[in-house]
Amino acid sequence: MTKYHYFYKITNKINNHYYYGVHNTNNLDDGYMGSGSRLHIAYEKYGIENFEKEILKFFDTSKEAFDYESEIVNENLIELDECYNIIKGGKCFDVSLKNMVVVKEKTTENYFLINKEIYAKNKSKYDTTWTNRNHSEYSKDKTRKTMTPLNSTNDRIWVNKDGVVKYIQKKYLDEYKNNDWELGRKGYKPRKNSQGRLLK
């Protein structure tokens, strides 16, 4: 389960222009710095080191965070010259994710969801996530050799308790059962990669 749902603000320290957004994450230090296309153009112009991110409010659920965003990032706000947001908040995205790519900035390790056109013009500054590439036979063989009973999926099983799901080694199953863990993936939410595909 995702632990944190928050509404944030990113401010350009040079001209005080700003961007609002929502982020859902299990790691508050994951380096996320927004996904707005105008914001990323500003990063290129002023340098990301001249931007400051602050978390304004936490929420119990993603929906609550997006509902709050819809109140703040409204039509009046996005019309202001100093605002980097270009669409209303509240998960009412009218831009296609097909035109976006997840990248990581080489110098800061921050990652973004960025327009493909912006990425194409600045490829040297970013590392892309793993897309449309295949492992070599050498890489596959190396992986096979490192597989052991300790990390093999054949020796693991799903257990759950109070909404928490774990994939444990079978030799620990009795210990988990004695602590009221149940078999199965009740409450499990499949993980997705940066392109939205389910991870098996």
Protein backbone atom coordinates (compact mmCIF):
# COMPACT_ATOMS: atom_id res chain seq x y z
CA MET A 1 0.00 0.00 0.00
CA THR A 2 1.17 3.53 -0.74
CA LYS A 3 2.09 5.24 2.52
CA TYR A 4 2.09 8.91 1.61
CA HIS A 5 -0.30 11.10 -0.37
CA TYR A 6 0.58 14.76 -0.41
CA PHE A 7 -0.01 18.10 -2.09
CA TYR A 8 3.17 20.02 -2.86
CA LYS A 9 4.45 23.29 -4.27
CA ILE A 10 7.60 23.85 -6.32
CA THR A 11 8.89 27.43 -6.41
CA ASN A 12 11.39 29.06 -8.75
CA LYS A 13 13.68 30.90 -6.31
CA ILE A 14 14.74 33.36 -9.02
CA ASN A 15 11.36 34.73 -10.10
CA ASN A 16 8.95 33.16 -7.55
CA HIS A 17 6.95 31.35 -10.23
CA TYR A 18 5.41 28.15 -8.91
CA TYR A 19 3.85 24.78 -9.62
CA TYR A 20 1.39 22.72 -7.56
CA GLY A 21 0.93 18.98 -7.70
CA VAL A 22 0.03 15.71 -5.96
CA HIS A 23 2.40 12.83 -5.36
CA ASN A 24 1.72 9.33 -4.03
CA THR A 25 4.76 7.43 -2.78
CA ASN A 26 6.22 5.04 -0.23
CA ASN A 27 9.40 7.11 0.04
CA LEU A 28 9.33 10.79 0.95
CA ASP A 29 12.91 11.15 -0.30
CA ASP A 30 12.32 9.64 -3.75
CA GLY A 31 13.50 12.81 -5.53
CA TYR A 32 10.23 13.47 -7.36
CA MET A 33 10.11 17.00 -8.77
CA GLY A 34 6.83 17.26 -10.67
CA SER A 35 5.60 16.38 -14.15
CA GLY A 36 4.42 19.67 -15.66
CA SER A 37 5.78 20.43 -19.14
CA ARG A 38 6.10 24.19 -18.46
CA LEU A 39 7.84 23.37 -15.20
CA HIS A 40 10.42 21.25 -17.01
CA ILE A 41 11.04 23.95 -19.58
CA ALA A 42 11.75 26.23 -16.62
CA TYR A 43 14.16 23.65 -15.18
CA GLU A 44 16.08 23.79 -18.45
CA LYS A 45 16.15 27.58 -18.45
CA TYR A 46 17.00 28.31 -14.80
CA GLY A 47 18.56 25.05 -13.58
CA ILE A 48 16.77 22.70 -11.21
CA GLU A 49 19.04 23.76 -8.37
CA ASN A 50 17.15 27.07 -8.36
CA PHE A 51 13.84 25.39 -7.52
CA GLU A 52 12.54 24.50 -4.10
CA LYS A 53 9.91 21.88 -3.29
CA GLU A 54 7.76 21.97 -0.17
CA ILE A 55 5.07 19.57 0.98
CA LEU A 56 2.02 21.62 1.95
CA LYS A 57 -0.42 19.00 3.12
CA PHE A 58 -0.68 15.23 3.70
CA PHE A 59 -3.80 13.13 3.07
CA ASP A 60 -5.02 9.67 4.01
CA THR A 61 -5.88 8.74 0.42
CA SER A 62 -4.90 9.67 -3.11
CA LYS A 63 -8.48 10.75 -3.83
CA GLU A 64 -8.47 13.24 -0.97
CA ALA A 65 -5.21 14.70 -2.27
CA PHE A 66 -6.55 15.11 -5.80
CA ASP A 67 -9.82 16.58 -4.52
CA TYR A 68 -7.83 19.18 -2.62
CA GLU A 69 -5.70 19.88 -5.68
CA SER A 70 -8.84 20.53 -7.73
CA GLU A 71 -9.77 23.30 -5.28
CA ILE A 72 -6.38 25.01 -5.48
CA VAL A 73 -5.34 24.45 -9.10
CA ASN A 74 -8.41 25.95 -10.76
CA GLU A 75 -9.04 27.95 -13.94
CA ASN A 76 -8.17 31.24 -12.27
CA LEU A 77 -4.82 29.94 -11.04
CA ILE A 78 -3.63 28.43 -14.32
CA GLU A 79 -4.32 31.71 -16.11
CA LEU A 80 -1.75 33.53 -13.96
CA ASP A 81 1.58 34.19 -15.67
CA GLU A 82 3.54 33.13 -12.61
CA CYS A 83 1.87 29.70 -12.45
CA TYR A 84 3.56 26.78 -14.26
CA ASN A 85 0.44 24.59 -14.13
CA ILE A 86 -1.32 24.40 -17.48
CA ILE A 87 -4.30 22.17 -16.64
CA LYS A 88 -6.74 22.13 -13.72
CA GLY A 89 -5.96 19.87 -10.80
CA GLY A 90 -7.89 16.90 -9.54
CA LYS A 91 -6.62 14.15 -11.85
CA CYS A 92 -8.55 15.63 -14.76
CA PHE A 93 -5.62 15.07 -17.11
CA ASP A 94 -6.34 16.06 -20.69
CA VAL A 95 -2.83 15.24 -21.92
CA SER A 96 -1.96 11.75 -23.06
CA LEU A 97 0.62 9.74 -21.15
CA LYS A 98 1.62 8.26 -24.50
CA ASN A 99 3.50 11.50 -25.11
CA MET A 100 5.36 11.27 -21.80
CA VAL A 101 8.46 9.39 -20.70
CA VAL A 102 9.94 8.82 -17.24
CA VAL A 103 13.51 10.12 -16.96
CA LYS A 104 16.11 10.62 -14.25
CA GLU A 105 18.31 13.68 -14.26
CA LYS A 106 21.97 12.61 -14.26
CA THR A 107 23.29 15.42 -12.07
CA THR A 108 20.67 15.42 -9.29
CA GLU A 109 19.13 11.90 -9.42
CA ASN A 110 15.67 13.53 -9.46
CA TYR A 111 13.16 11.81 -11.70
CA PHE A 112 10.27 13.18 -13.73
CA LEU A 113 7.41 12.37 -16.04
CA ILE A 114 8.40 14.53 -19.00
CA ASN A 115 7.12 15.31 -22.49
CA LYS A 116 8.93 13.25 -25.13
CA GLU A 117 9.68 16.36 -27.20
CA ILE A 118 11.44 18.01 -24.27
CA TYR A 119 13.38 14.82 -23.63
CA ALA A 120 14.41 14.54 -27.28
CA LYS A 121 15.97 18.02 -27.14
CA ASN A 122 17.87 17.31 -23.93
CA LYS A 123 18.84 13.62 -24.07
CA SER A 124 22.32 14.24 -22.72
CA LYS A 125 20.94 15.49 -19.40
CA TYR A 126 18.69 12.53 -18.63
CA ASP A 127 18.77 8.78 -18.15
CA THR A 128 15.64 7.04 -19.35
CA THR A 129 13.94 4.20 -17.55
CA TRP A 130 14.11 0.72 -19.07
CA THR A 131 11.95 0.94 -22.22
CA ASN A 132 11.93 -1.04 -25.46
CA ARG A 133 15.17 -2.81 -24.64
CA ASN A 134 16.00 -6.50 -24.15
CA HIS A 135 18.56 -8.22 -21.96
CA SER A 136 21.50 -9.77 -23.79
CA GLU A 137 22.07 -13.54 -23.62
CA TYR A 138 25.14 -12.84 -21.47
CA SER A 139 22.99 -10.86 -19.02
CA LYS A 140 20.33 -13.58 -18.93
CA ASP A 141 22.96 -16.28 -18.30
CA LYS A 142 24.51 -14.22 -15.52
CA THR A 143 21.11 -13.88 -13.86
CA ARG A 144 20.46 -17.61 -14.07
CA LYS A 145 23.76 -18.35 -12.34
CA THR A 146 22.97 -16.01 -9.46
CA MET A 147 19.58 -17.58 -8.77
CA THR A 148 19.61 -19.61 -5.54
CA PRO A 149 16.96 -21.16 -3.29
CA LEU A 150 17.14 -17.96 -1.24
CA ASN A 151 15.84 -15.75 -4.02
CA SER A 152 13.96 -18.25 -6.15
CA THR A 153 10.22 -17.63 -6.48
CA ASN A 154 9.66 -21.43 -6.28
CA ASP A 155 10.51 -21.30 -2.59
CA ARG A 156 8.29 -18.34 -1.69
CA ILE A 157 4.65 -17.82 -0.80
CA TRP A 158 2.28 -14.87 -0.27
CA VAL A 159 0.96 -14.05 3.21
CA ASN A 160 -1.10 -11.14 4.50
CA LYS A 161 -2.15 -9.51 7.74
CA ASP A 162 -4.16 -6.33 8.36
CA GLY A 163 -3.72 -5.12 4.77
CA VAL A 164 0.03 -5.80 4.70
CA VAL A 165 1.20 -8.31 2.08
CA LYS A 166 4.56 -10.12 2.08
CA TYR A 167 6.26 -12.62 -0.23
CA ILE A 168 8.17 -14.83 2.21
CA GLN A 169 10.35 -17.92 2.05
CA LYS A 170 8.27 -21.02 2.76
CA LYS A 171 10.56 -22.09 5.60
CA TYR A 172 9.25 -19.13 7.62
CA LEU A 173 5.58 -19.90 6.99
CA ASP A 174 4.87 -21.56 10.36
CA GLU A 175 6.41 -18.60 12.16
CA TYR A 176 4.14 -16.18 10.29
CA LYS A 177 1.06 -18.36 10.87
CA ASN A 178 1.78 -18.38 14.59
CA ASN A 179 1.63 -14.57 14.44
CA ASP A 180 -1.83 -14.56 12.78
CA TRP A 181 -0.67 -14.11 9.18
CA GLU A 182 -2.91 -15.72 6.56
CA LEU A 183 -2.10 -17.28 3.20
CA GLY A 184 -2.82 -15.28 0.06
CA ARG A 185 -2.52 -11.73 -1.25
CA LYS A 186 -5.57 -10.13 0.34
CA GLY A 187 -5.16 -6.37 -0.05
CA TYR A 188 -2.41 -6.77 -2.65
CA LYS A 189 -2.17 -4.06 -5.30
CA PRO A 190 -0.11 -5.04 -8.36
CA ARG A 191 2.93 -2.85 -8.93
CA LYS A 192 3.26 -1.04 -12.24
CA ASN A 193 6.30 0.13 -14.12
CA SER A 194 6.77 3.65 -15.45
CA GLN A 195 4.77 2.80 -18.58
CA GLY A 196 1.81 1.57 -16.54
CA ARG A 197 2.39 -2.12 -17.27
CA LEU A 198 1.87 -4.60 -14.45
CA LEU A 199 5.01 -6.08 -12.91
CA LYS A 200 4.70 -9.84 -12.46
